[in-house]
Amino acid sequence: MRKHLTVLGGGLAGCEAAWQAVERGLNVLLLEMCPYKSTDMQRTGDLAEMVCSNSLCSLLPDRAGSVLKREFERLGSLLMACAWKIAVPAAAVLVVDRERFTRAVMYQTESHPKLVVRAEETEDIPASPMIMATGPFTFPALSDVIGRLTGSDHLYFYDTIARVITVGPIDRQVVFSMSRRVRPAQVHRRASVE
């Protein structure tokens, strides 16, 4: 008898988790709220939508991102296979065309015979074995359930490489901001000129 797994969230992590599970013999139900329901950051309602950068980081062999990509490739990563097929020129960085990348991931996941994709919002944690990969776009109902289970009033998401943020709730009195494209030497020169 085949084992079943539910994956909550059809972003990058959810699609990769679902793929790894079906490739290892499980039947997988992948639940994604888009296009049934989406946030202001999501534009397409597609699986594996890249809402921030279309960069998958450095290809330089001594960089953490490059090492991680090689490890993913050794594990048969769906995302890496799709990324390499549609990579666009970008020096020493793996960069993809967002729309083509999403279509490639969707084609693979939706055509796999052991993987069922369903568009629906999940408001509770399933009793069956599952992986939660809802990330920063977890809607309040499910977030409240997670909060009760973990004993936490608030859940936080930190992304050190995201380039798209909503600035409305940021307290500008306590935050330091600077473009990641500015080099430390440029900061020093600017500070000394001012």
C-alpha atoms as a PDB file:
ATOM      1  CA  MET A   1       0.000   0.000   0.000  1.00  0.00           C
ATOM      2  CA  ARG A   2       1.352   3.398  -1.034  1.00  0.00           C
ATOM      3  CA  LYS A   3       1.810   6.063   1.619  1.00  0.00           C
ATOM      4  CA  HIS A   4       0.175   9.460   1.248  1.00  0.00           C
ATOM      5  CA  LEU A   5       1.560  12.898   2.037  1.00  0.00           C
ATOM      6  CA  THR A   6      -0.092  16.328   1.975  1.00  0.00           C
ATOM      7  CA  VAL A   7       2.028  19.378   1.145  1.00  0.00           C
ATOM      8  CA  LEU A   8       0.582  22.749   2.117  1.00  0.00           C
ATOM      9  CA  GLY A   9       1.851  25.507  -0.154  1.00  0.00           C
ATOM     10  CA  GLY A  10       2.789  25.446  -3.832  1.00  0.00           C
ATOM     11  CA  GLY A  11       5.669  27.895  -3.756  1.00  0.00           C
ATOM     12  CA  LEU A  12       9.279  26.947  -4.404  1.00  0.00           C
ATOM     13  CA  ALA A  13       9.661  24.927  -1.184  1.00  0.00           C
ATOM     14  CA  GLY A  14       6.285  23.208  -1.494  1.00  0.00           C
ATOM     15  CA  CYS A  15       6.817  22.186  -5.119  1.00  0.00           C
ATOM     16  CA  GLU A  16      10.282  20.831  -4.358  1.00  0.00           C
ATOM     17  CA  ALA A  17       9.038  18.948  -1.290  1.00  0.00           C
ATOM     18  CA  ALA A  18       6.153  17.423  -3.254  1.00  0.00           C
ATOM     19  CA  TRP A  19       8.502  16.419  -6.083  1.00  0.00           C
ATOM     20  CA  GLN A  20      11.017  14.803  -3.750  1.00  0.00           C
ATOM     21  CA  ALA A  21       8.221  12.833  -2.053  1.00  0.00           C
ATOM     22  CA  VAL A  22       6.650  11.502  -5.266  1.00  0.00           C
ATOM     23  CA  GLU A  23      10.059  10.574  -6.637  1.00  0.00           C
ATOM     24  CA  ARG A  24      10.565   8.500  -3.504  1.00  0.00           C
ATOM     25  CA  GLY A  25       7.321   6.577  -3.954  1.00  0.00           C
ATOM     26  CA  LEU A  26       4.702   8.572  -2.026  1.00  0.00           C
ATOM     27  CA  ASN A  27       1.361   9.730  -3.365  1.00  0.00           C
ATOM     28  CA  VAL A  28       1.204  13.472  -2.772  1.00  0.00           C
ATOM     29  CA  LEU A  29      -1.622  15.985  -2.512  1.00  0.00           C
ATOM     30  CA  LEU A  30      -0.250  19.503  -3.042  1.00  0.00           C
ATOM     31  CA  LEU A  31      -2.612  22.189  -1.739  1.00  0.00           C
ATOM     32  CA  GLU A  32      -2.055  25.743  -2.970  1.00  0.00           C
ATOM     33  CA  MET A  33      -4.408  28.642  -2.239  1.00  0.00           C
ATOM     34  CA  CYS A  34      -3.692  30.381  -5.586  1.00  0.00           C
ATOM     35  CA  PRO A  35      -5.518  31.093  -7.784  1.00  0.00           C
ATOM     36  CA  TYR A  36      -8.441  30.451  -5.408  1.00  0.00           C
ATOM     37  CA  LYS A  37      -7.081  33.163  -3.116  1.00  0.00           C
ATOM     38  CA  SER A  38      -3.906  35.250  -3.269  1.00  0.00           C
ATOM     39  CA  THR A  39      -2.022  38.107  -1.639  1.00  0.00           C
ATOM     40  CA  ASP A  40      -0.936  41.474  -3.029  1.00  0.00           C
ATOM     41  CA  MET A  41       2.542  40.076  -3.721  1.00  0.00           C
ATOM     42  CA  GLN A  42       1.347  37.190  -5.892  1.00  0.00           C
ATOM     43  CA  ARG A  43       0.602  38.102  -9.492  1.00  0.00           C
ATOM     44  CA  THR A  44      -0.076  34.922 -11.465  1.00  0.00           C
ATOM     45  CA  GLY A  45      -1.755  32.375  -9.223  1.00  0.00           C
ATOM     46  CA  ASP A  46       0.714  29.789 -10.538  1.00  0.00           C
ATOM     47  CA  LEU A  47       2.782  27.235  -8.676  1.00  0.00           C
ATOM     48  CA  ALA A  48       6.394  28.164  -7.870  1.00  0.00           C
ATOM     49  CA  GLU A  49       5.776  31.844  -8.564  1.00  0.00           C
ATOM     50  CA  MET A  50       8.906  33.891  -7.958  1.00  0.00           C
ATOM     51  CA  VAL A  51       7.525  36.963  -6.215  1.00  0.00           C
ATOM     52  CA  CYS A  52      10.870  38.514  -5.330  1.00  0.00           C
ATOM     53  CA  SER A  53      14.038  38.129  -7.341  1.00  0.00           C
ATOM     54  CA  ASN A  54      14.441  35.891 -10.354  1.00  0.00           C
ATOM     55  CA  SER A  55      18.000  35.174  -9.223  1.00  0.00           C
ATOM     56  CA  LEU A  56      18.902  31.824  -7.705  1.00  0.00           C
ATOM     57  CA  CYS A  57      22.168  33.302  -6.417  1.00  0.00           C
ATOM     58  CA  SER A  58      25.835  32.849  -7.140  1.00  0.00           C
ATOM     59  CA  LEU A  59      27.477  30.195  -9.262  1.00  0.00           C
ATOM     60  CA  LEU A  60      30.913  30.873  -7.799  1.00  0.00           C
ATOM     61  CA  PRO A  61      32.151  27.588  -6.291  1.00  0.00           C
ATOM     62  CA  ASP A  62      33.138  29.109  -2.937  1.00  0.00           C
ATOM     63  CA  ARG A  63      29.735  30.677  -2.245  1.00  0.00           C
ATOM     64  CA  ALA A  64      27.071  29.111  -0.045  1.00  0.00           C
ATOM     65  CA  GLY A  65      24.382  29.465  -2.729  1.00  0.00           C
ATOM     66  CA  SER A  66      26.502  27.575  -5.237  1.00  0.00           C
ATOM     67  CA  VAL A  67      27.228  24.760  -2.777  1.00  0.00           C
ATOM     68  CA  LEU A  68      23.528  24.490  -1.960  1.00  0.00           C
ATOM     69  CA  LYS A  69      22.607  24.314  -5.657  1.00  0.00           C
ATOM     70  CA  ARG A  70      25.061  21.457  -6.185  1.00  0.00           C
ATOM     71  CA  GLU A  71      23.554  19.596  -3.218  1.00  0.00           C
ATOM     72  CA  PHE A  72      20.042  20.091  -4.626  1.00  0.00           C
ATOM     73  CA  GLU A  73      21.177  18.781  -8.018  1.00  0.00           C
ATOM     74  CA  ARG A  74      22.593  15.621  -6.417  1.00  0.00           C
ATOM     75  CA  LEU A  75      19.183  15.022  -4.810  1.00  0.00           C
ATOM     76  CA  GLY A  76      17.365  15.276  -8.156  1.00  0.00           C
ATOM     77  CA  SER A  77      15.915  18.735  -7.567  1.00  0.00           C
ATOM     78  CA  LEU A  78      12.947  19.664  -9.740  1.00  0.00           C
ATOM     79  CA  LEU A  79      13.632  23.381  -9.283  1.00  0.00           C
ATOM     80  CA  MET A  80      17.275  23.111 -10.307  1.00  0.00           C
ATOM     81  CA  ALA A  81      16.447  21.010 -13.380  1.00  0.00           C
ATOM     82  CA  CYS A  82      13.861  23.573 -14.483  1.00  0.00           C
ATOM     83  CA  ALA A  83      16.148  26.519 -13.704  1.00  0.00           C
ATOM     84  CA  TRP A  84      19.033  25.170 -15.778  1.00  0.00           C
ATOM     85  CA  LYS A  85      16.743  24.516 -18.750  1.00  0.00           C
ATOM     86  CA  ILE A  86      15.564  28.128 -18.917  1.00  0.00           C
ATOM     87  CA  ALA A  87      18.466  30.067 -17.390  1.00  0.00           C
ATOM     88  CA  VAL A  88      19.188  33.486 -18.872  1.00  0.00           C
ATOM     89  CA  PRO A  89      22.681  35.002 -19.216  1.00  0.00           C
ATOM     90  CA  ALA A  90      23.767  36.672 -15.961  1.00  0.00           C
ATOM     91  CA  ALA A  91      27.527  36.407 -15.398  1.00  0.00           C
ATOM     92  CA  ALA A  92      28.260  34.300 -12.276  1.00  0.00           C
ATOM     93  CA  VAL A  93      24.645  34.067 -11.099  1.00  0.00           C
ATOM     94  CA  LEU A  94      21.863  31.617 -11.965  1.00  0.00           C
ATOM     95  CA  VAL A  95      18.983  33.763 -13.204  1.00  0.00           C
ATOM     96  CA  VAL A  96      15.737  32.487 -14.725  1.00  0.00           C
ATOM     97  CA  ASP A  97      12.916  33.899 -16.778  1.00  0.00           C
ATOM     98  CA  ARG A  98      10.123  33.965 -14.175  1.00  0.00           C
ATOM     99  CA  GLU A  99       7.232  32.981 -16.433  1.00  0.00           C
ATOM    100  CA  ARG A 100       9.090  30.182 -18.209  1.00  0.00           C
ATOM    101  CA  PHE A 101      10.412  28.867 -14.885  1.00  0.00           C
ATOM    102  CA  THR A 102       6.931  28.764 -13.366  1.00  0.00           C
ATOM    103  CA  ARG A 103       5.502  27.043 -16.444  1.00  0.00           C
ATOM    104  CA  ALA A 104       8.282  24.426 -16.365  1.00  0.00           C
ATOM    105  CA  VAL A 105       7.700  23.637 -12.674  1.00  0.00           C
ATOM    106  CA  MET A 106       3.920  23.539 -13.157  1.00  0.00           C
ATOM    107  CA  TYR A 107       4.210  21.202 -16.140  1.00  0.00           C
ATOM    108  CA  GLN A 108       6.355  18.755 -14.171  1.00  0.00           C
ATOM    109  CA  THR A 109       4.228  18.790 -11.027  1.00  0.00           C
ATOM    110  CA  GLU A 110       0.836  18.702 -12.720  1.00  0.00           C
ATOM    111  CA  SER A 111       1.805  15.904 -15.115  1.00  0.00           C
ATOM    112  CA  HIS A 112       3.287  13.590 -12.475  1.00  0.00           C
ATOM    113  CA  PRO A 113       0.933  10.603 -12.010  1.00  0.00           C
ATOM    114  CA  LYS A 114       1.492  10.389  -8.231  1.00  0.00           C
ATOM    115  CA  LEU A 115       1.052  14.107  -7.550  1.00  0.00           C
ATOM    116  CA  VAL A 116      -2.368  15.786  -7.296  1.00  0.00           C
ATOM    117  CA  VAL A 117      -2.477  19.583  -7.250  1.00  0.00           C
ATOM    118  CA  ARG A 118      -5.557  21.263  -5.800  1.00  0.00           C
ATOM    119  CA  ALA A 119      -6.279  24.999  -5.528  1.00  0.00           C
ATOM    120  CA  GLU A 120      -7.858  25.671  -2.149  1.00  0.00           C
ATOM    121  CA  GLU A 121      -7.191  27.581   1.033  1.00  0.00           C
ATOM    122  CA  THR A 122      -6.316  25.382   3.984  1.00  0.00           C
ATOM    123  CA  GLU A 123      -7.677  26.652   7.285  1.00  0.00           C
ATOM    124  CA  ASP A 124      -6.542  23.746   9.437  1.00  0.00           C
ATOM    125  CA  ILE A 125      -3.660  21.330   9.649  1.00  0.00           C
ATOM    126  CA  PRO A 126      -4.526  17.939   8.139  1.00  0.00           C
ATOM    127  CA  ALA A 127      -4.404  14.866  10.374  1.00  0.00           C
ATOM    128  CA  SER A 128      -2.450  12.947   7.716  1.00  0.00           C
ATOM    129  CA  PRO A 129       1.338  13.202   7.364  1.00  0.00           C
ATOM    130  CA  MET A 130       2.166  16.573   5.857  1.00  0.00           C
ATOM    131  CA  ILE A 131       4.762  19.190   5.081  1.00  0.00           C
ATOM    132  CA  MET A 132       3.874  22.801   5.708  1.00  0.00           C
ATOM    133  CA  ALA A 133       5.506  25.111   3.172  1.00  0.00           C
ATOM    134  CA  THR A 134       3.166  28.098   3.278  1.00  0.00           C
ATOM    135  CA  GLY A 135       5.913  30.651   3.893  1.00  0.00           C
ATOM    136  CA  PRO A 136       5.232  34.357   4.281  1.00  0.00           C
ATOM    137  CA  PHE A 137       1.842  34.212   2.538  1.00  0.00           C
ATOM    138  CA  THR A 138       0.107  32.073   5.152  1.00  0.00           C
ATOM    139  CA  PHE A 139      -3.413  33.425   5.565  1.00  0.00           C
ATOM    140  CA  PRO A 140      -4.715  34.373   9.039  1.00  0.00           C
ATOM    141  CA  ALA A 141      -6.894  31.307   9.676  1.00  0.00           C
ATOM    142  CA  LEU A 142      -4.024  28.848   9.208  1.00  0.00           C
ATOM    143  CA  SER A 143      -1.565  31.209  10.877  1.00  0.00           C
ATOM    144  CA  ASP A 144      -3.806  31.278  13.973  1.00  0.00           C
ATOM    145  CA  VAL A 145      -3.866  27.459  14.078  1.00  0.00           C
ATOM    146  CA  ILE A 146      -0.063  27.350  13.844  1.00  0.00           C
ATOM    147  CA  GLY A 147       0.168  29.979  16.573  1.00  0.00           C
ATOM    148  CA  ARG A 148      -2.007  27.921  18.914  1.00  0.00           C
ATOM    149  CA  LEU A 149       0.021  24.763  18.231  1.00  0.00           C
ATOM    150  CA  THR A 150       3.354  26.493  18.801  1.00  0.00           C
ATOM    151  CA  GLY A 151       2.215  28.696  21.676  1.00  0.00           C
ATOM    152  CA  SER A 152       3.287  31.814  19.799  1.00  0.00           C
ATOM    153  CA  ASP A 153       1.196  34.939  19.293  1.00  0.00           C
ATOM    154  CA  HIS A 154       3.122  35.950  16.195  1.00  0.00           C
ATOM    155  CA  LEU A 155       4.872  34.170  13.366  1.00  0.00           C
ATOM    156  CA  TYR A 156       7.718  35.864  11.524  1.00  0.00           C
ATOM    157  CA  PHE A 157       9.291  35.402   8.125  1.00  0.00           C
ATOM    158  CA  TYR A 158      12.789  36.641   7.357  1.00  0.00           C
ATOM    159  CA  ASP A 159      14.216  36.564   3.861  1.00  0.00           C
ATOM    160  CA  THR A 160      17.719  37.934   3.513  1.00  0.00           C
ATOM    161  CA  ILE A 161      17.681  38.029  -0.281  1.00  0.00           C
ATOM    162  CA  ALA A 162      14.173  39.310  -0.991  1.00  0.00           C
ATOM    163  CA  ARG A 163      14.153  42.531  -2.960  1.00  0.00           C
ATOM    164  CA  VAL A 164      10.450  43.296  -2.879  1.00  0.00           C
ATOM    165  CA  ILE A 165       8.874  44.437   0.364  1.00  0.00           C
ATOM    166  CA  THR A 166       5.828  46.381   1.480  1.00  0.00           C
ATOM    167  CA  VAL A 167       7.104  49.430   3.348  1.00  0.00           C
ATOM    168  CA  GLY A 168       3.819  50.527   4.932  1.00  0.00           C
ATOM    169  CA  PRO A 169       4.205  48.786   8.315  1.00  0.00           C
ATOM    170  CA  ILE A 170       7.931  49.554   8.704  1.00  0.00           C
ATOM    171  CA  ASP A 171       8.766  51.982  11.517  1.00  0.00           C
ATOM    172  CA  ARG A 172      11.207  54.319   9.760  1.00  0.00           C
ATOM    173  CA  GLN A 173      12.415  55.670  13.123  1.00  0.00           C
ATOM    174  CA  VAL A 174      14.097  52.388  14.089  1.00  0.00           C
ATOM    175  CA  VAL A 175      15.120  50.916  10.731  1.00  0.00           C
ATOM    176  CA  PHE A 176      18.371  51.410   8.839  1.00  0.00           C
ATOM    177  CA  SER A 177      17.993  51.090   5.088  1.00  0.00           C
ATOM    178  CA  MET A 178      20.525  50.998   2.315  1.00  0.00           C
ATOM    179  CA  SER A 179      20.643  49.553  -1.159  1.00  0.00           C
ATOM    180  CA  ARG A 180      22.347  46.163  -1.295  1.00  0.00           C
ATOM    181  CA  ARG A 181      24.022  47.387  -4.490  1.00  0.00           C
ATOM    182  CA  VAL A 182      26.092  49.968  -2.577  1.00  0.00           C
ATOM    183  CA  ARG A 183      29.566  48.760  -1.641  1.00  0.00           C
ATOM    184  CA  PRO A 184      30.976  49.543   1.861  1.00  0.00           C
ATOM    185  CA  ALA A 185      33.646  51.784   0.309  1.00  0.00           C
ATOM    186  CA  GLN A 186      30.894  53.842  -1.361  1.00  0.00           C
ATOM    187  CA  VAL A 187      29.093  54.190   1.960  1.00  0.00           C
ATOM    188  CA  HIS A 188      32.304  55.473   3.591  1.00  0.00           C
ATOM    189  CA  ARG A 189      32.877  58.013   0.805  1.00  0.00           C
ATOM    190  CA  ARG A 190      29.277  59.227   1.009  1.00  0.00           C
ATOM    191  CA  ALA A 191      29.463  59.558   4.773  1.00  0.00           C
ATOM    192  CA  SER A 192      32.681  61.576   4.600  1.00  0.00           C
ATOM    193  CA  VAL A 193      31.256  63.911   1.927  1.00  0.00           C
ATOM    194  CA  GLU A 194      28.129  64.602   3.968  1.00  0.00           C
END
